[in-house]
């Protein structure tokens, strides 16, 4: 089992910056990918950014504004968000994907952290 705890979500003005953190604990091995997703009211959860074995990828809506990074020594994943827009308002979730011996995956999620961009 992997436990994930997100933090850093707050109310911020348009144009501002935030850094979200996701601290992982438990059986952290064979992690194939880590990522940040978000879900706005009335919308489906969407991928924001991810680090996989193939590299890093971002949603088009956040490219050049958001940066995902990981600190393996601290078992923590970060999402640096700059030039925030009201449409970035959502609950942000951290995800770890663990590769199992069977060749399938287990997805682990944090509880989410609310980011609100408003003046």
Protein backbone atom coordinates (compact mmCIF):
# COMPACT_ATOMS: atom_id res chain seq x y z
CA UNK A 1 0.00 0.00 0.00
CA UNK A 2 1.07 3.54 -0.73
CA UNK A 3 -0.28 6.50 1.22
CA UNK A 4 -0.26 9.95 -0.35
CA UNK A 5 -0.83 13.28 1.38
CA UNK A 6 -1.13 16.48 -0.63
CA UNK A 7 -0.62 19.97 0.72
CA UNK A 8 -0.20 23.54 -0.46
CA UNK A 9 -3.60 24.38 -1.86
CA UNK A 10 -4.87 27.84 -0.96
CA UNK A 11 -6.73 30.85 -2.34
CA UNK A 12 -4.47 32.84 -4.68
CA UNK A 13 -4.99 35.80 -6.97
CA UNK A 14 -4.80 35.48 -10.75
CA UNK A 15 -1.20 35.67 -11.90
CA UNK A 16 0.07 34.26 -8.63
CA UNK A 17 2.11 31.16 -7.90
CA UNK A 18 1.72 28.08 -5.72
CA UNK A 19 3.67 24.94 -5.04
CA UNK A 20 1.79 21.77 -4.22
CA UNK A 21 3.49 18.89 -2.44
CA UNK A 22 2.63 15.20 -2.31
CA UNK A 23 4.34 13.15 0.38
CA UNK A 24 4.35 9.39 -0.11
CA UNK A 25 4.78 6.66 2.48
CA UNK A 26 4.35 2.92 2.71
CA UNK A 27 5.46 0.34 0.13
CA UNK A 28 7.05 2.74 -2.31
CA UNK A 29 8.65 0.50 -4.90
CA UNK A 30 8.19 -0.18 -8.60
CA UNK A 31 6.54 3.21 -9.01
CA UNK A 32 6.06 3.44 -12.74
CA UNK A 33 4.63 6.94 -12.86
CA UNK A 34 3.71 9.87 -10.65
CA UNK A 35 1.36 12.65 -11.56
CA UNK A 36 -1.00 15.44 -10.65
CA UNK A 37 -4.63 15.47 -11.69
CA UNK A 38 -7.36 18.02 -11.04
CA UNK A 39 -11.12 18.07 -10.91
CA UNK A 40 -13.18 21.21 -11.18
CA UNK A 41 -16.85 21.31 -10.12
CA UNK A 42 -19.04 19.57 -12.66
CA UNK A 43 -16.08 18.33 -14.68
CA UNK A 44 -14.19 15.07 -14.99
CA UNK A 45 -10.83 14.56 -13.38
CA UNK A 46 -8.07 15.44 -15.84
CA UNK A 47 -4.34 14.89 -16.04
CA UNK A 48 -2.30 18.01 -15.32
CA UNK A 49 1.27 16.70 -15.36
CA UNK A 50 3.07 13.40 -15.00
CA UNK A 51 6.52 11.88 -14.80
CA UNK A 52 6.69 8.47 -16.42
CA UNK A 53 9.40 6.14 -17.64
CA UNK A 54 9.11 7.93 -21.00
CA UNK A 55 9.63 11.40 -19.55
CA UNK A 56 7.50 14.30 -18.43
CA UNK A 57 4.23 15.41 -19.98
CA UNK A 58 1.76 18.21 -19.38
CA UNK A 59 -1.77 19.13 -20.31
CA UNK A 60 -1.77 21.75 -23.06
CA UNK A 61 -3.58 24.17 -20.76
CA UNK A 62 -0.70 24.27 -18.27
CA UNK A 63 2.37 23.95 -20.48
CA UNK A 64 4.99 26.63 -19.79
CA UNK A 65 3.18 27.56 -16.55
CA UNK A 66 3.36 24.41 -14.41
CA UNK A 67 6.36 22.23 -13.57
CA UNK A 68 6.25 18.77 -12.02
CA UNK A 69 9.26 17.45 -10.13
CA UNK A 70 10.11 14.71 -7.66
CA UNK A 71 12.55 14.29 -4.80
CA UNK A 72 13.19 10.58 -4.45
CA UNK A 73 15.12 11.02 -1.21
CA UNK A 74 12.05 12.62 0.38
CA UNK A 75 9.47 10.49 -1.47
CA UNK A 76 7.78 13.71 -2.47
CA UNK A 77 6.36 15.02 -5.72
CA UNK A 78 5.84 18.71 -6.37
CA UNK A 79 3.78 20.81 -8.73
CA UNK A 80 5.01 24.36 -9.20
CA UNK A 81 2.20 26.47 -10.61
CA UNK A 82 2.91 29.92 -12.02
CA UNK A 83 0.77 32.51 -13.79
CA UNK A 84 -2.34 30.99 -12.27
CA UNK A 85 -5.69 31.59 -13.94
CA UNK A 86 -9.24 31.33 -12.57
CA UNK A 87 -9.73 28.26 -14.77
CA UNK A 88 -7.01 26.51 -12.77
CA UNK A 89 -9.42 26.40 -9.82
CA UNK A 90 -9.96 22.77 -8.86
CA UNK A 91 -9.18 20.07 -6.37
CA UNK A 92 -5.71 18.76 -7.18
CA UNK A 93 -4.92 15.09 -6.62
CA UNK A 94 -1.60 13.31 -6.51
CA UNK A 95 -1.30 9.90 -8.17
CA UNK A 96 1.29 7.13 -7.92
CA UNK A 97 1.09 4.19 -10.30
CA UNK A 98 2.76 1.02 -9.04
CA UNK A 99 3.77 -1.80 -11.36
CA UNK A 100 2.80 -5.19 -9.94
CA UNK A 101 4.50 -8.53 -10.49
CA UNK A 102 1.52 -9.63 -12.56
CA UNK A 103 2.27 -6.85 -15.02
CA UNK A 104 -0.79 -4.86 -14.07
CA UNK A 105 -0.87 -1.58 -12.15
CA UNK A 106 -2.23 -0.25 -8.90
CA UNK A 107 -3.18 3.42 -8.76
CA UNK A 108 -2.95 5.29 -5.48
CA UNK A 109 -4.55 8.68 -4.84
CA UNK A 110 -4.24 11.36 -2.21
CA UNK A 111 -7.20 13.06 -0.59
CA UNK A 112 -6.86 16.17 -2.73
CA UNK A 113 -6.01 19.79 -2.02
CA UNK A 114 -8.18 22.73 -3.06
CA UNK A 115 -6.68 25.42 -5.27
CA UNK A 116 -8.80 28.50 -5.80
CA UNK A 117 -7.70 31.27 -8.15
CA UNK A 118 -9.77 34.38 -7.63
CA UNK A 119 -9.44 38.10 -7.04
